[in-house]
């Protein structure tokens, strides 16, 4: 087997899965223009919006 393959997408999907398990909503942009994903979390009348790189 050759050298290890770098899997950037795997890391992003893993983090998205962990956030989703914790109750966050994950939005993945169609094109990467600065953010890998946007996460939102609603609690009562408040909503947190977090862009992730």
N, C-alpha and C. Protein backbone atom coordinates (compact mmCIF):
# COMPACT_ATOMS: atom_id res chain seq x y z
N UNK A 1 0.84 -1.18 0.00
CA UNK A 1 0.00 0.00 0.00
C UNK A 1 0.89 1.24 0.00
N UNK A 2 0.49 2.25 -0.74
CA UNK A 2 1.28 3.47 -0.90
C UNK A 2 1.16 4.40 0.30
N UNK A 3 1.50 5.64 0.06
CA UNK A 3 1.44 6.64 1.13
C UNK A 3 0.00 6.91 1.55
N UNK A 4 -0.13 7.47 2.72
CA UNK A 4 -1.47 7.76 3.27
C UNK A 4 -2.16 8.83 2.42
N UNK A 5 -3.45 8.69 2.26
CA UNK A 5 -4.26 9.64 1.52
C UNK A 5 -4.83 10.66 2.49
N UNK A 6 -4.68 11.94 2.17
CA UNK A 6 -5.24 12.98 3.01
C UNK A 6 -6.71 13.13 2.66
N UNK A 7 -7.57 13.09 3.67
CA UNK A 7 -9.01 13.14 3.43
C UNK A 7 -9.62 14.33 4.17
N UNK A 8 -9.51 15.49 3.58
CA UNK A 8 -10.06 16.70 4.20
C UNK A 8 -11.58 16.60 4.34
N UNK A 9 -12.25 16.06 3.35
CA UNK A 9 -13.70 15.95 3.40
C UNK A 9 -14.14 15.05 4.55
N UNK A 10 -13.37 14.00 4.84
CA UNK A 10 -13.72 13.11 5.94
C UNK A 10 -13.78 13.89 7.25
N UNK A 11 -12.79 14.73 7.49
CA UNK A 11 -12.75 15.51 8.73
C UNK A 11 -13.95 16.45 8.81
N UNK A 12 -14.28 17.11 7.70
CA UNK A 12 -15.41 18.03 7.70
C UNK A 12 -16.73 17.29 7.98
N UNK A 13 -16.91 16.13 7.38
CA UNK A 13 -18.14 15.36 7.58
C UNK A 13 -18.20 14.80 9.01
N UNK A 14 -17.05 14.44 9.56
CA UNK A 14 -17.01 13.95 10.94
C UNK A 14 -17.46 15.05 11.90
N UNK A 15 -16.91 16.24 11.73
CA UNK A 15 -17.28 17.37 12.59
C UNK A 15 -18.76 17.70 12.42
N UNK A 16 -19.24 17.69 11.18
CA UNK A 16 -20.67 17.94 10.93
C UNK A 16 -21.53 16.90 11.65
N UNK A 17 -21.12 15.64 11.64
CA UNK A 17 -21.86 14.59 12.32
C UNK A 17 -21.89 14.77 13.83
N UNK A 18 -20.77 15.16 14.40
CA UNK A 18 -20.70 15.40 15.85
C UNK A 18 -21.61 16.57 16.23
N UNK A 19 -21.58 17.65 15.44
CA UNK A 19 -22.45 18.79 15.72
C UNK A 19 -23.92 18.41 15.57
N UNK A 20 -24.25 17.66 14.53
CA UNK A 20 -25.64 17.23 14.32
C UNK A 20 -26.12 16.36 15.48
N UNK A 21 -25.25 15.48 15.97
CA UNK A 21 -25.61 14.64 17.13
C UNK A 21 -25.90 15.48 18.36
N UNK A 22 -25.26 16.66 18.45
CA UNK A 22 -25.45 17.55 19.59
C UNK A 22 -26.64 18.49 19.41
N UNK A 23 -27.38 18.34 18.29
CA UNK A 23 -28.58 19.14 18.09
C UNK A 23 -28.43 20.34 17.17
N UNK A 24 -27.26 20.51 16.57
CA UNK A 24 -27.04 21.61 15.64
C UNK A 24 -27.59 21.25 14.26
N UNK A 25 -28.05 22.25 13.51
CA UNK A 25 -28.43 22.08 12.11
C UNK A 25 -27.23 22.47 11.27
N UNK A 26 -26.88 21.65 10.29
CA UNK A 26 -25.69 21.87 9.49
C UNK A 26 -26.10 22.19 8.05
N UNK A 27 -25.51 23.25 7.51
CA UNK A 27 -25.75 23.65 6.12
C UNK A 27 -24.41 23.65 5.40
N UNK A 28 -24.33 22.91 4.30
CA UNK A 28 -23.10 22.83 3.52
C UNK A 28 -23.29 23.63 2.23
N UNK A 29 -22.48 24.67 2.02
CA UNK A 29 -22.63 25.47 0.81
C UNK A 29 -22.31 24.65 -0.43
N UNK A 30 -22.97 25.01 -1.52
CA UNK A 30 -22.75 24.30 -2.79
C UNK A 30 -21.33 24.52 -3.29
N UNK A 31 -20.80 25.68 -3.06
CA UNK A 31 -19.42 25.99 -3.46
C UNK A 31 -18.67 26.53 -2.25
N UNK A 32 -17.40 26.19 -2.17
CA UNK A 32 -16.56 26.64 -1.07
C UNK A 32 -16.01 28.03 -1.40
N UNK A 33 -16.60 29.03 -0.79
CA UNK A 33 -16.13 30.40 -0.99
C UNK A 33 -15.83 31.04 0.37
N UNK A 34 -15.14 30.30 1.22
CA UNK A 34 -14.73 30.85 2.50
C UNK A 34 -15.16 30.03 3.69
N UNK A 35 -16.32 29.39 3.65
CA UNK A 35 -16.78 28.60 4.77
C UNK A 35 -17.05 27.16 4.34
N UNK A 36 -16.66 26.21 5.17
CA UNK A 36 -16.90 24.80 4.88
C UNK A 36 -18.33 24.41 5.21
N UNK A 37 -18.87 25.03 6.27
CA UNK A 37 -20.25 24.76 6.66
C UNK A 37 -20.76 25.88 7.54
N UNK A 38 -22.06 25.95 7.68
CA UNK A 38 -22.70 26.90 8.59
C UNK A 38 -23.55 26.07 9.54
N UNK A 39 -23.38 26.30 10.83
CA UNK A 39 -24.12 25.55 11.84
C UNK A 39 -25.05 26.49 12.58
N UNK A 40 -26.27 26.04 12.84
CA UNK A 40 -27.23 26.83 13.61
C UNK A 40 -27.76 25.98 14.76
N UNK A 41 -28.07 26.66 15.85
CA UNK A 41 -28.63 25.98 17.02
C UNK A 41 -29.72 26.86 17.61
N UNK A 42 -30.91 26.32 17.71
CA UNK A 42 -32.04 27.08 18.25
C UNK A 42 -32.34 26.62 19.67
N UNK A 43 -32.53 27.59 20.56
CA UNK A 43 -32.90 27.30 21.95
C UNK A 43 -33.89 28.37 22.38
N UNK A 44 -35.13 27.97 22.52
CA UNK A 44 -36.17 28.95 22.85
C UNK A 44 -36.34 29.93 21.71
N UNK A 45 -36.30 31.21 22.03
CA UNK A 45 -36.42 32.25 21.01
C UNK A 45 -35.07 32.67 20.43
N UNK A 46 -34.00 32.09 20.94
CA UNK A 46 -32.65 32.46 20.49
C UNK A 46 -32.15 31.46 19.46
N UNK A 47 -31.32 31.98 18.55
CA UNK A 47 -30.68 31.10 17.56
C UNK A 47 -29.21 31.52 17.43
N UNK A 48 -28.34 30.54 17.48
CA UNK A 48 -26.91 30.77 17.30
C UNK A 48 -26.55 30.37 15.88
N UNK A 49 -25.81 31.21 15.18
CA UNK A 49 -25.36 30.93 13.82
C UNK A 49 -23.85 30.98 13.82
N UNK A 50 -23.22 29.87 13.41
CA UNK A 50 -21.76 29.78 13.44
C UNK A 50 -21.23 29.35 12.08
N UNK A 51 -20.55 30.25 11.37
CA UNK A 51 -19.85 29.84 10.15
C UNK A 51 -18.58 29.08 10.56
N UNK A 52 -18.28 28.00 9.89
CA UNK A 52 -17.12 27.16 10.22
C UNK A 52 -16.19 27.09 9.02
N UNK A 53 -14.91 27.22 9.30
CA UNK A 53 -13.89 27.12 8.25
C UNK A 53 -13.23 25.79 8.32
